[in-house]
Amino acid sequence: MRHKIRAGAALALAAGVLAGCGSNAPEGQGGGAWSYTDDRGTVVNVDHRPERIIAQVSAAGALNDFGVPVAGTFGPLVREDGSTEPEAGSVDPSKVTDVTGAGYGEVNLERLASLKPDLLVSGKYAEYPGLWHLVQDQEDAVKKVVPTLGVQQSGIALPEAIGKYKELARALGADVDSAKVKADEEAFNAASQRLRDIGARMRAENKTILAVGGTKEEYFVVVPERNPDLDYYVKELGLPITTPKNPDVAGGGYFERLSWENANAYPGDILLWDARSASMKPEEMKANPVFAAHPAAAANRFAEWDAVAPMSYASYAKIMNKLADQLEANLR
């Protein structure tokens, strides 16, 4: 869903999180050979510690937040209005080379090779063997140019997912115990507490959140436990986000797909809307009269869901504080 919504195609896949940090054992972090076991179980070997890194944009944002700059990115980087895609986080588009290809899941191989990269990093999802934002033939072609490393982005909690990128950054030579990273982690914990307090208030008031999105073809309701951030919000922070009854198993179980005629199938006091570029904005969704009649939509009780943000303390501290602000505003 996350793959296909990016391309503006029919929604089918999505997700986010990783696997145990302890298995990712880096070796040779000095001036010699470098080795790292990634979340595909692949041992990635480079004859020196990688310095020229290409990364899918959200992976690039996470690495950047932990002190690892990247030379190039692929995936959504800049919006039509010139602003940076939220998926890219803290990446400065003017300081990287965009190697995204013409179609979804493609890279410009010539541009990629011209950067003389040491390593390519991308997320991966538990249900699929390949790397995110690379269709299989493109991934096969990329492997002939540069070693690839996958970070699993489904099946574990948000803090563990963040820890994955932290440990990769450490292996790549970053000082992940710096004062900045510690401050970012403290900000993350403080933002988590804000949401925990809001969750307690909402449960006491018997109010719920419904995570939704839509394209011209369909309306969808998000399954919280299949997304690392929402799963963390529900299980650890107590936000009352509703789980839909009939997830799309063929699409990985991340969403229940509904026709627009059923856009009022689930209640919710606040609608958490999918803010990705390929998903409709609330005002566009409200062009459908069934959705517009939903009590929360009619009252404009919306909050943003940054579905594929960089997995870092800095990134999610900002996201969770913004979410807390929006939830509080809708609870007044």
C-alpha atoms as a PDB file:
ATOM      1  CA  MET A   1       0.000   0.000   0.000  1.00  0.00           C
ATOM      2  CA  ARG A   2       2.726   2.424   0.874  1.00  0.00           C
ATOM      3  CA  HIS A   3       4.392   1.565  -2.380  1.00  0.00           C
ATOM      4  CA  LYS A   4       1.383   2.058  -4.597  1.00  0.00           C
ATOM      5  CA  ILE A   5      -0.114   5.116  -3.000  1.00  0.00           C
ATOM      6  CA  ARG A   6       3.177   6.852  -3.725  1.00  0.00           C
ATOM      7  CA  ALA A   7       2.628   6.310  -7.400  1.00  0.00           C
ATOM      8  CA  GLY A   8      -0.960   7.445  -7.156  1.00  0.00           C
ATOM      9  CA  ALA A   9      -2.125   3.956  -8.162  1.00  0.00           C
ATOM     10  CA  ALA A  10      -4.790   1.875  -6.448  1.00  0.00           C
ATOM     11  CA  LEU A  11      -4.034   1.411  -2.768  1.00  0.00           C
ATOM     12  CA  ALA A  12      -2.744  -1.993  -1.873  1.00  0.00           C
ATOM     13  CA  LEU A  13       0.320  -2.067   0.344  1.00  0.00           C
ATOM     14  CA  ALA A  14       1.877  -0.108   3.234  1.00  0.00           C
ATOM     15  CA  ALA A  15       3.665  -0.301   6.583  1.00  0.00           C
ATOM     16  CA  GLY A  16       6.547   0.541   8.792  1.00  0.00           C
ATOM     17  CA  VAL A  17       9.104  -0.979  11.318  1.00  0.00           C
ATOM     18  CA  LEU A  18      12.134  -3.165  11.827  1.00  0.00           C
ATOM     19  CA  ALA A  19      13.753  -6.164  13.548  1.00  0.00           C
ATOM     20  CA  GLY A  20      16.148  -6.823  16.457  1.00  0.00           C
ATOM     21  CA  CYS A  21      19.100  -4.458  16.650  1.00  0.00           C
ATOM     22  CA  GLY A  22      21.371  -7.052  18.205  1.00  0.00           C
ATOM     23  CA  SER A  23      21.665  -9.082  15.011  1.00  0.00           C
ATOM     24  CA  ASN A  24      23.031  -6.150  13.028  1.00  0.00           C
ATOM     25  CA  ALA A  25      26.654  -6.668  13.927  1.00  0.00           C
ATOM     26  CA  PRO A  26      29.015  -4.228  12.217  1.00  0.00           C
ATOM     27  CA  GLU A  27      32.629  -5.196  11.833  1.00  0.00           C
ATOM     28  CA  GLY A  28      35.746  -3.407  10.712  1.00  0.00           C
ATOM     29  CA  GLN A  29      34.567   0.103  11.539  1.00  0.00           C
ATOM     30  CA  GLY A  30      38.050   1.563  11.275  1.00  0.00           C
ATOM     31  CA  GLY A  31      39.909   2.168   8.060  1.00  0.00           C
ATOM     32  CA  GLY A  32      39.637  -1.425   6.857  1.00  0.00           C
ATOM     33  CA  ALA A  33      36.857  -3.602   5.524  1.00  0.00           C
ATOM     34  CA  TRP A  34      33.297  -2.975   6.679  1.00  0.00           C
ATOM     35  CA  SER A  35      30.639  -5.642   7.210  1.00  0.00           C
ATOM     36  CA  TYR A  36      27.026  -5.374   8.368  1.00  0.00           C
ATOM     37  CA  THR A  37      24.247  -7.961   8.603  1.00  0.00           C
ATOM     38  CA  ASP A  38      21.041  -6.296   7.453  1.00  0.00           C
ATOM     39  CA  ASP A  39      17.397  -7.174   8.045  1.00  0.00           C
ATOM     40  CA  ARG A  40      17.239  -9.403   4.988  1.00  0.00           C
ATOM     41  CA  GLY A  41      19.841 -11.569   6.692  1.00  0.00           C
ATOM     42  CA  THR A  42      22.293 -10.406   4.063  1.00  0.00           C
ATOM     43  CA  VAL A  43      25.903  -9.774   5.058  1.00  0.00           C
ATOM     44  CA  VAL A  44      26.854  -6.521   3.351  1.00  0.00           C
ATOM     45  CA  ASN A  45      30.596  -6.293   2.729  1.00  0.00           C
ATOM     46  CA  VAL A  46      32.441  -3.176   1.601  1.00  0.00           C
ATOM     47  CA  ASP A  47      36.236  -2.847   1.465  1.00  0.00           C
ATOM     48  CA  HIS A  48      36.026   0.338   3.571  1.00  0.00           C
ATOM     49  CA  ARG A  49      33.435   2.006   5.769  1.00  0.00           C
ATOM     50  CA  PRO A  50      30.877   3.526   3.374  1.00  0.00           C
ATOM     51  CA  GLU A  51      31.055   7.276   2.953  1.00  0.00           C
ATOM     52  CA  ARG A  52      29.073   7.950  -0.224  1.00  0.00           C
ATOM     53  CA  ILE A  53      25.602   6.668   0.579  1.00  0.00           C
ATOM     54  CA  ILE A  54      22.440   6.619  -1.515  1.00  0.00           C
ATOM     55  CA  ALA A  55      19.213   6.138   0.436  1.00  0.00           C
ATOM     56  CA  GLN A  56      15.471   6.027  -0.035  1.00  0.00           C
ATOM     57  CA  VAL A  57      14.269   9.401   1.221  1.00  0.00           C
ATOM     58  CA  SER A  58      12.864   8.377   4.600  1.00  0.00           C
ATOM     59  CA  ALA A  59      15.952   6.270   5.311  1.00  0.00           C
ATOM     60  CA  ALA A  60      18.034   9.279   4.262  1.00  0.00           C
ATOM     61  CA  GLY A  61      16.122  11.490   6.695  1.00  0.00           C
ATOM     62  CA  ALA A  62      16.679   9.055   9.566  1.00  0.00           C
ATOM     63  CA  LEU A  63      20.388   8.665   8.829  1.00  0.00           C
ATOM     64  CA  ASN A  64      20.777  12.432   8.524  1.00  0.00           C
ATOM     65  CA  ASP A  65      19.149  12.955  11.930  1.00  0.00           C
ATOM     66  CA  PHE A  66      21.664  10.539  13.441  1.00  0.00           C
ATOM     67  CA  GLY A  67      24.611  12.331  11.820  1.00  0.00           C
ATOM     68  CA  VAL A  68      25.110  10.416   8.574  1.00  0.00           C
ATOM     69  CA  PRO A  69      24.802  12.639   5.488  1.00  0.00           C
ATOM     70  CA  VAL A  70      23.853  11.021   2.196  1.00  0.00           C
ATOM     71  CA  ALA A  71      25.070  11.815  -1.302  1.00  0.00           C
ATOM     72  CA  GLY A  72      21.873  10.916  -3.102  1.00  0.00           C
ATOM     73  CA  THR A  73      18.242   9.925  -2.547  1.00  0.00           C
ATOM     74  CA  PHE A  74      15.437   8.182  -4.375  1.00  0.00           C
ATOM     75  CA  GLY A  75      11.721   8.464  -3.765  1.00  0.00           C
ATOM     76  CA  PRO A  76       9.543  11.544  -3.087  1.00  0.00           C
ATOM     77  CA  LEU A  77      11.890  14.432  -2.264  1.00  0.00           C
ATOM     78  CA  VAL A  78      10.268  17.727  -3.303  1.00  0.00           C
ATOM     79  CA  ARG A  79       6.585  18.597  -3.642  1.00  0.00           C
ATOM     80  CA  GLU A  80       5.100  20.490  -6.574  1.00  0.00           C
ATOM     81  CA  ASP A  81       5.120  23.711  -4.536  1.00  0.00           C
ATOM     82  CA  GLY A  82       8.878  23.368  -3.992  1.00  0.00           C
ATOM     83  CA  SER A  83       8.683  22.312  -0.349  1.00  0.00           C
ATOM     84  CA  THR A  84      10.458  19.208   0.948  1.00  0.00           C
ATOM     85  CA  GLU A  85       8.338  16.069   1.137  1.00  0.00           C
ATOM     86  CA  PRO A  86       7.624  15.168   4.791  1.00  0.00           C
ATOM     87  CA  GLU A  87       8.903  11.681   3.994  1.00  0.00           C
ATOM     88  CA  ALA A  88      12.381  13.160   3.478  1.00  0.00           C
ATOM     89  CA  GLY A  89      12.416  14.795   6.912  1.00  0.00           C
ATOM     90  CA  SER A  90      15.524  16.873   7.554  1.00  0.00           C
ATOM     91  CA  VAL A  91      17.166  16.178   4.187  1.00  0.00           C
ATOM     92  CA  ASP A  92      18.065  19.383   2.340  1.00  0.00           C
ATOM     93  CA  PRO A  93      17.173  18.720  -1.328  1.00  0.00           C
ATOM     94  CA  SER A  94      19.835  21.201  -2.455  1.00  0.00           C
ATOM     95  CA  LYS A  95      22.559  19.094  -0.823  1.00  0.00           C
ATOM     96  CA  VAL A  96      21.712  15.713  -2.349  1.00  0.00           C
ATOM     97  CA  THR A  97      21.411  14.328  -5.864  1.00  0.00           C
ATOM     98  CA  ASP A  98      18.002  12.888  -6.664  1.00  0.00           C
ATOM     99  CA  VAL A  99      18.491   9.595  -8.514  1.00  0.00           C
ATOM    100  CA  THR A 100      14.784   8.762  -8.762  1.00  0.00           C
ATOM    101  CA  GLY A 101      13.819   7.259 -12.109  1.00  0.00           C
ATOM    102  CA  ALA A 102      10.937   8.040 -14.416  1.00  0.00           C
ATOM    103  CA  GLY A 103       8.442   5.581 -12.944  1.00  0.00           C
ATOM    104  CA  TYR A 104       7.524   4.264  -9.534  1.00  0.00           C
ATOM    105  CA  GLY A 105      10.179   1.967  -8.093  1.00  0.00           C
ATOM    106  CA  GLU A 106      12.824   3.063 -10.571  1.00  0.00           C
ATOM    107  CA  VAL A 107      16.157   4.843 -10.241  1.00  0.00           C
ATOM    108  CA  ASN A 108      18.243   6.629 -12.824  1.00  0.00           C
ATOM    109  CA  LEU A 109      21.089   4.122 -13.025  1.00  0.00           C
ATOM    110  CA  GLU A 110      23.414   6.456 -14.915  1.00  0.00           C
ATOM    111  CA  ARG A 111      22.993   9.208 -12.344  1.00  0.00           C
ATOM    112  CA  LEU A 112      23.347   6.682  -9.539  1.00  0.00           C
ATOM    113  CA  ALA A 113      26.616   5.347 -10.939  1.00  0.00           C
ATOM    114  CA  SER A 114      27.972   8.872 -11.478  1.00  0.00           C
ATOM    115  CA  LEU A 115      27.905   9.434  -7.705  1.00  0.00           C
ATOM    116  CA  LYS A 116      30.323   6.526  -7.208  1.00  0.00           C
ATOM    117  CA  PRO A 117      28.322   5.262  -4.204  1.00  0.00           C
ATOM    118  CA  ASP A 118      29.658   2.889  -1.548  1.00  0.00           C
ATOM    119  CA  LEU A 119      26.255   1.768  -0.239  1.00  0.00           C
ATOM    120  CA  LEU A 120      22.526   2.026  -0.941  1.00  0.00           C
ATOM    121  CA  VAL A 121      20.119   1.930   2.026  1.00  0.00           C
ATOM    122  CA  SER A 122      16.363   1.437   1.954  1.00  0.00           C
ATOM    123  CA  GLY A 123      13.608   0.150   4.162  1.00  0.00           C
ATOM    124  CA  LYS A 124      11.941  -3.196   3.587  1.00  0.00           C
ATOM    125  CA  TYR A 125       8.665  -4.755   4.625  1.00  0.00           C
ATOM    126  CA  ALA A 126       8.213  -8.127   6.251  1.00  0.00           C
ATOM    127  CA  GLU A 127       5.848  -9.448   3.571  1.00  0.00           C
ATOM    128  CA  TYR A 128       8.096  -8.594   0.633  1.00  0.00           C
ATOM    129  CA  PRO A 129      11.666  -9.736  -0.083  1.00  0.00           C
ATOM    130  CA  GLY A 130      12.743  -6.603  -1.940  1.00  0.00           C
ATOM    131  CA  LEU A 131      13.718  -3.095  -0.906  1.00  0.00           C
ATOM    132  CA  TRP A 132      11.195  -0.295  -0.616  1.00  0.00           C
ATOM    133  CA  HIS A 133      10.829   1.966  -3.637  1.00  0.00           C
ATOM    134  CA  LEU A 134      12.669  -0.454  -5.916  1.00  0.00           C
ATOM    135  CA  VAL A 135      10.806  -2.841  -8.188  1.00  0.00           C
ATOM    136  CA  GLN A 136      12.608  -6.159  -8.591  1.00  0.00           C
ATOM    137  CA  ASP A 137      14.348  -5.564 -11.920  1.00  0.00           C
ATOM    138  CA  GLN A 138      15.570  -2.180 -10.702  1.00  0.00           C
ATOM    139  CA  GLU A 139      16.878  -3.679  -7.487  1.00  0.00           C
ATOM    140  CA  ASP A 140      18.735  -6.322  -9.494  1.00  0.00           C
ATOM    141  CA  ALA A 141      20.267  -3.608 -11.680  1.00  0.00           C
ATOM    142  CA  VAL A 142      21.223  -1.458  -8.676  1.00  0.00           C
ATOM    143  CA  LYS A 143      23.054  -4.382  -7.053  1.00  0.00           C
ATOM    144  CA  LYS A 144      25.410  -4.439 -10.036  1.00  0.00           C
ATOM    145  CA  VAL A 145      26.386  -0.844  -9.254  1.00  0.00           C
ATOM    146  CA  VAL A 146      26.468  -0.660  -5.435  1.00  0.00           C
ATOM    147  CA  PRO A 147      25.990  -2.948  -2.395  1.00  0.00           C
ATOM    148  CA  THR A 148      22.473  -2.643  -0.933  1.00  0.00           C
ATOM    149  CA  LEU A 149      21.329  -2.731   2.689  1.00  0.00           C
ATOM    150  CA  GLY A 150      17.743  -3.260   3.887  1.00  0.00           C
ATOM    151  CA  VAL A 151      16.208  -2.018   7.141  1.00  0.00           C
ATOM    152  CA  GLN A 152      12.948  -3.792   7.965  1.00  0.00           C
ATOM    153  CA  GLN A 153      10.031  -1.407   8.413  1.00  0.00           C
ATOM    154  CA  SER A 154       7.185  -3.567   9.628  1.00  0.00           C
ATOM    155  CA  GLY A 155       6.527  -5.851  12.562  1.00  0.00           C
ATOM    156  CA  ILE A 156       8.204  -4.050  15.468  1.00  0.00           C
ATOM    157  CA  ALA A 157       7.483  -1.022  17.617  1.00  0.00           C
ATOM    158  CA  LEU A 158       8.473   2.530  16.700  1.00  0.00           C
ATOM    159  CA  PRO A 159      11.237   2.895  19.336  1.00  0.00           C
ATOM    160  CA  GLU A 160      12.864  -0.311  18.112  1.00  0.00           C
ATOM    161  CA  ALA A 161      12.567   0.871  14.526  1.00  0.00           C
ATOM    162  CA  ILE A 162      14.298   4.099  15.458  1.00  0.00           C
ATOM    163  CA  GLY A 163      16.952   2.067  17.264  1.00  0.00           C
ATOM    164  CA  LYS A 164      17.664   0.209  14.052  1.00  0.00           C
ATOM    165  CA  TYR A 165      18.662   3.388  12.242  1.00  0.00           C
ATOM    166  CA  LYS A 166      20.610   4.549  15.265  1.00  0.00           C
ATOM    167  CA  GLU A 167      22.726   1.397  15.230  1.00  0.00           C
ATOM    168  CA  LEU A 168      23.243   1.585  11.481  1.00  0.00           C
ATOM    169  CA  ALA A 169      24.367   5.193  11.875  1.00  0.00           C
ATOM    170  CA  ARG A 170      26.778   4.102  14.593  1.00  0.00           C
ATOM    171  CA  ALA A 171      28.211   1.457  12.289  1.00  0.00           C
ATOM    172  CA  LEU A 172      28.635   4.127   9.614  1.00  0.00           C
ATOM    173  CA  GLY A 173      30.760   6.208  11.977  1.00  0.00           C
ATOM    174  CA  ALA A 174      28.261   8.687  13.432  1.00  0.00           C
ATOM    175  CA  ASP A 175      28.413   9.796  17.069  1.00  0.00           C
ATOM    176  CA  VAL A 176      24.967   8.572  18.066  1.00  0.00           C
ATOM    177  CA  ASP A 177      25.714   9.218  21.745  1.00  0.00           C
ATOM    178  CA  SER A 178      26.163  12.938  21.122  1.00  0.00           C
ATOM    179  CA  ALA A 179      24.397  15.647  23.085  1.00  0.00           C
ATOM    180  CA  LYS A 180      22.169  16.330  20.063  1.00  0.00           C
ATOM    181  CA  VAL A 181      20.949  12.753  19.774  1.00  0.00           C
ATOM    182  CA  LYS A 182      20.357  12.565  23.516  1.00  0.00           C
ATOM    183  CA  ALA A 183      18.367  15.808  23.359  1.00  0.00           C
ATOM    184  CA  ASP A 184      16.366  14.432  20.436  1.00  0.00           C
ATOM    185  CA  GLU A 185      15.581  11.288  22.438  1.00  0.00           C
ATOM    186  CA  GLU A 186      14.464  13.376  25.410  1.00  0.00           C
ATOM    187  CA  ALA A 187      12.210  15.401  23.108  1.00  0.00           C
ATOM    188  CA  PHE A 188      10.801  12.140  21.714  1.00  0.00           C
ATOM    189  CA  ASN A 189      10.042  10.887  25.227  1.00  0.00           C
ATOM    190  CA  ALA A 190       8.421  14.182  26.217  1.00  0.00           C
ATOM    191  CA  ALA A 191       6.235  14.150  23.096  1.00  0.00           C
ATOM    192  CA  SER A 192       5.294  10.552  23.846  1.00  0.00           C
ATOM    193  CA  GLN A 193       4.141  11.616  27.305  1.00  0.00           C
ATOM    194  CA  ARG A 194       1.988  14.368  25.812  1.00  0.00           C
ATOM    195  CA  LEU A 195       0.199  11.799  23.654  1.00  0.00           C
ATOM    196  CA  ARG A 196      -0.083   9.420  26.606  1.00  0.00           C
ATOM    197  CA  ASP A 197      -1.873  12.137  28.588  1.00  0.00           C
ATOM    198  CA  ILE A 198      -4.176  12.895  25.667  1.00  0.00           C
ATOM    199  CA  GLY A 199      -4.944   9.197  25.276  1.00  0.00           C
ATOM    200  CA  ALA A 200      -5.941   8.960  28.931  1.00  0.00           C
ATOM    201  CA  ARG A 201      -8.202  11.980  28.558  1.00  0.00           C
ATOM    202  CA  MET A 202      -9.859  10.620  25.415  1.00  0.00           C
ATOM    203  CA  ARG A 203     -10.519   7.237  26.975  1.00  0.00           C
ATOM    204  CA  ALA A 204     -12.007   8.927  30.029  1.00  0.00           C
ATOM    205  CA  GLU A 205     -14.290  10.934  27.737  1.00  0.00           C
ATOM    206  CA  ASN A 206     -15.092   7.842  25.630  1.00  0.00           C
ATOM    207  CA  LYS A 207     -13.748   9.453  22.444  1.00  0.00           C
ATOM    208  CA  THR A 208     -12.027   7.698  19.567  1.00  0.00           C
ATOM    209  CA  ILE A 209      -9.736   8.365  16.615  1.00  0.00           C
ATOM    210  CA  LEU A 210     -10.218   6.892  13.144  1.00  0.00           C
ATOM    211  CA  ALA A 211      -7.222   6.831  10.759  1.00  0.00           C
ATOM    212  CA  VAL A 212      -8.373   7.250   7.157  1.00  0.00           C
ATOM    213  CA  GLY A 213      -7.354   8.221   3.665  1.00  0.00           C
ATOM    214  CA  GLY A 214      -8.560   8.096   0.113  1.00  0.00           C
ATOM    215  CA  THR A 215      -7.931   8.253  -3.597  1.00  0.00           C
ATOM    216  CA  LYS A 216     -10.433   8.874  -6.381  1.00  0.00           C
ATOM    217  CA  GLU A 217     -10.984   5.127  -6.532  1.00  0.00           C
ATOM    218  CA  GLU A 218     -11.488   4.273  -2.882  1.00  0.00           C
ATOM    219  CA  TYR A 219     -11.730   5.227   0.758  1.00  0.00           C
ATOM    220  CA  PHE A 220      -9.616   3.335   3.269  1.00  0.00           C
ATOM    221  CA  VAL A 221      -9.390   2.879   7.016  1.00  0.00           C
ATOM    222  CA  VAL A 222      -5.961   2.209   8.499  1.00  0.00           C
ATOM    223  CA  VAL A 223      -5.101  -0.799  10.676  1.00  0.00           C
ATOM    224  CA  PRO A 224      -3.058   0.694  13.550  1.00  0.00           C
ATOM    225  CA  GLU A 225      -1.122  -2.434  14.503  1.00  0.00           C
ATOM    226  CA  ARG A 226       0.344  -2.790  10.996  1.00  0.00           C
ATOM    227  CA  ASN A 227       2.038   0.606  11.197  1.00  0.00           C
ATOM    228  CA  PRO A 228       4.866   1.128  13.703  1.00  0.00           C
ATOM    229  CA  ASP A 229       3.900   4.643  14.698  1.00  0.00           C
ATOM    230  CA  LEU A 230       0.181   4.008  15.138  1.00  0.00           C
ATOM    231  CA  ASP A 231       0.859   0.709  16.878  1.00  0.00           C
ATOM    232  CA  TYR A 232       3.098   2.564  19.345  1.00  0.00           C
ATOM    233  CA  TYR A 233       0.477   5.263  19.842  1.00  0.00           C
ATOM    234  CA  VAL A 234      -2.162   2.651  20.668  1.00  0.00           C
ATOM    235  CA  LYS A 235      -0.268   0.025  22.649  1.00  0.00           C
ATOM    236  CA  GLU A 236       2.276   2.171  24.485  1.00  0.00           C
ATOM    237  CA  LEU A 237       0.645   5.592  24.631  1.00  0.00           C
ATOM    238  CA  GLY A 238      -3.014   4.595  24.837  1.00  0.00           C
ATOM    239  CA  LEU A 239      -4.439   6.651  21.979  1.00  0.00           C
ATOM    240  CA  PRO A 240      -7.888   5.182  21.183  1.00  0.00           C
ATOM    241  CA  ILE A 241      -7.412   4.538  17.451  1.00  0.00           C
ATOM    242  CA  THR A 242     -10.072   2.245  15.996  1.00  0.00           C
ATOM    243  CA  THR A 243      -9.071  -0.990  14.235  1.00  0.00           C
ATOM    244  CA  PRO A 244     -11.182  -1.784  11.141  1.00  0.00           C
ATOM    245  CA  LYS A 245     -12.859  -5.196  10.945  1.00  0.00           C
ATOM    246  CA  ASN A 246     -11.867  -6.370   7.462  1.00  0.00           C
ATOM    247  CA  PRO A 247      -8.240  -5.585   6.538  1.00  0.00           C
ATOM    248  CA  ASP A 248      -7.164  -6.184   2.960  1.00  0.00           C
ATOM    249  CA  VAL A 249      -5.183  -9.396   3.453  1.00  0.00           C
ATOM    250  CA  ALA A 250      -3.912  -9.380  -0.127  1.00  0.00           C
ATOM    251  CA  GLY A 251      -2.488  -5.915   0.452  1.00  0.00           C
ATOM    252  CA  GLY A 252      -0.618  -6.887   3.607  1.00  0.00           C
ATOM    253  CA  GLY A 253      -3.424  -6.093   6.050  1.00  0.00           C
ATOM    254  CA  TYR A 254      -2.492  -2.430   6.435  1.00  0.00           C
ATOM    255  CA  PHE A 255      -5.882  -1.012   5.465  1.00  0.00           C
ATOM    256  CA  GLU A 256      -9.510  -1.896   5.002  1.00  0.00           C
ATOM    257  CA  ARG A 257     -10.440  -0.777   1.513  1.00  0.00           C
ATOM    258  CA  LEU A 258     -13.949   0.606   1.119  1.00  0.00           C
ATOM    259  CA  SER A 259     -16.005   2.205  -1.601  1.00  0.00           C
ATOM    260  CA  TRP A 260     -16.832   5.864  -1.118  1.00  0.00           C
ATOM    261  CA  GLU A 261     -20.452   4.809  -0.597  1.00  0.00           C
ATOM    262  CA  ASN A 262     -19.241   3.273   2.691  1.00  0.00           C
ATOM    263  CA  ALA A 263     -17.168   6.223   3.861  1.00  0.00           C
ATOM    264  CA  ASN A 264     -19.233   6.472   7.025  1.00  0.00           C
ATOM    265  CA  ALA A 265     -18.797   2.797   7.975  1.00  0.00           C
ATOM    266  CA  TYR A 266     -16.807   3.565  11.126  1.00  0.00           C
ATOM    267  CA  PRO A 267     -17.388   6.233  13.773  1.00  0.00           C
ATOM    268  CA  GLY A 268     -14.639   8.420  15.163  1.00  0.00           C
ATOM    269  CA  ASP A 269     -14.513  11.696  17.052  1.00  0.00           C
ATOM    270  CA  ILE A 270     -11.304  12.782  15.309  1.00  0.00           C
ATOM    271  CA  LEU A 271     -10.178  11.703  11.826  1.00  0.00           C
ATOM    272  CA  LEU A 272      -6.454  11.069  11.453  1.00  0.00           C
ATOM    273  CA  TRP A 273      -5.915  11.595   7.726  1.00  0.00           C
ATOM    274  CA  ASP A 274      -3.144  10.155   5.591  1.00  0.00           C
ATOM    275  CA  ALA A 275      -1.086  13.204   4.618  1.00  0.00           C
ATOM    276  CA  ARG A 276       0.924  11.580   1.832  1.00  0.00           C
ATOM    277  CA  SER A 277       0.848  13.372  -1.515  1.00  0.00           C
ATOM    278  CA  ALA A 278      -1.043  10.584  -3.297  1.00  0.00           C
ATOM    279  CA  SER A 279      -3.830  10.555  -0.707  1.00  0.00           C
ATOM    280  CA  MET A 280      -6.614  13.113  -0.787  1.00  0.00           C
ATOM    281  CA  LYS A 281      -6.657  16.100   1.523  1.00  0.00           C
ATOM    282  CA  PRO A 282      -9.680  16.448   3.856  1.00  0.00           C
ATOM    283  CA  GLU A 283     -11.352  19.097   1.707  1.00  0.00           C
ATOM    284  CA  GLU A 284     -11.028  16.818  -1.333  1.00  0.00           C
ATOM    285  CA  MET A 285     -12.434  13.862   0.590  1.00  0.00           C
ATOM    286  CA  LYS A 286     -15.357  16.003   1.713  1.00  0.00           C
ATOM    287  CA  ALA A 287     -16.403  16.400  -1.911  1.00  0.00           C
ATOM    288  CA  ASN A 288     -17.956  12.984  -1.359  1.00  0.00           C
ATOM    289  CA  PRO A 289     -21.309  13.586   0.369  1.00  0.00           C
ATOM    290  CA  VAL A 290     -21.161  10.362   2.402  1.00  0.00           C
ATOM    291  CA  PHE A 291     -17.799  11.284   3.884  1.00  0.00           C
ATOM    292  CA  ALA A 292     -18.836  14.911   4.305  1.00  0.00           C
ATOM    293  CA  ALA A 293     -21.758  13.739   6.437  1.00  0.00           C
ATOM    294  CA  HIS A 294     -19.485  11.893   8.856  1.00  0.00           C
ATOM    295  CA  PRO A 295     -19.842  13.876  12.118  1.00  0.00           C
ATOM    296  CA  ALA A 296     -16.095  14.382  12.534  1.00  0.00           C
ATOM    297  CA  ALA A 297     -15.680  15.464   8.908  1.00  0.00           C
ATOM    298  CA  ALA A 298     -18.660  17.805   9.145  1.00  0.00           C
ATOM    299  CA  ALA A 299     -17.084  19.410  12.228  1.00  0.00           C
ATOM    300  CA  ASN A 300     -13.630  19.516  10.583  1.00  0.00           C
ATOM    301  CA  ARG A 301     -12.084  17.482  13.363  1.00  0.00           C
ATOM    302  CA  PHE A 302      -8.957  16.347  11.514  1.00  0.00           C
ATOM    303  CA  ALA A 303      -5.365  15.594  12.524  1.00  0.00           C
ATOM    304  CA  GLU A 304      -2.472  14.654  10.206  1.00  0.00           C
ATOM    305  CA  TRP A 305      -0.881  11.229   9.931  1.00  0.00           C
ATOM    306  CA  ASP A 306       2.691  11.377   8.597  1.00  0.00           C
ATOM    307  CA  ALA A 307       2.617   7.785   7.445  1.00  0.00           C
ATOM    308  CA  VAL A 308       6.168   7.178   6.221  1.00  0.00           C
ATOM    309  CA  ALA A 309       8.311   9.638   8.148  1.00  0.00           C
ATOM    310  CA  PRO A 310      12.016   9.075   8.902  1.00  0.00           C
ATOM    311  CA  MET A 311      12.588   6.693  11.792  1.00  0.00           C
ATOM    312  CA  SER A 312      14.491   8.989  14.156  1.00  0.00           C
ATOM    313  CA  TYR A 313      13.954  10.648  17.528  1.00  0.00           C
ATOM    314  CA  ALA A 314      14.160  14.103  15.962  1.00  0.00           C
ATOM    315  CA  SER A 315      11.613  13.288  13.277  1.00  0.00           C
ATOM    316  CA  TYR A 316       9.034  11.740  15.572  1.00  0.00           C
ATOM    317  CA  ALA A 317       9.432  14.313  18.345  1.00  0.00           C
ATOM    318  CA  LYS A 318       8.209  16.915  15.839  1.00  0.00           C
ATOM    319  CA  ILE A 319       5.495  14.662  14.451  1.00  0.00           C
ATOM    320  CA  MET A 320       4.111  13.682  17.853  1.00  0.00           C
ATOM    321  CA  ASN A 321       4.118  17.241  19.164  1.00  0.00           C
ATOM    322  CA  LYS A 322       2.255  18.383  16.052  1.00  0.00           C
ATOM    323  CA  LEU A 323      -0.212  15.531  16.502  1.00  0.00           C
ATOM    324  CA  ALA A 324      -0.657  16.432  20.178  1.00  0.00           C
ATOM    325  CA  ASP A 325      -1.363  20.057  19.237  1.00  0.00           C
ATOM    326  CA  GLN A 326      -3.973  19.009  16.679  1.00  0.00           C
ATOM    327  CA  LEU A 327      -5.660  16.501  18.975  1.00  0.00           C
ATOM    328  CA  GLU A 328      -5.826  19.043  21.797  1.00  0.00           C
ATOM    329  CA  ALA A 329      -7.357  21.619  19.452  1.00  0.00           C
ATOM    330  CA  ASN A 330     -10.044  19.128  18.426  1.00  0.00           C
ATOM    331  CA  LEU A 331     -10.836  18.241  22.045  1.00  0.00           C
ATOM    332  CA  ARG A 332     -11.628  21.789  23.150  1.00  0.00           C
END
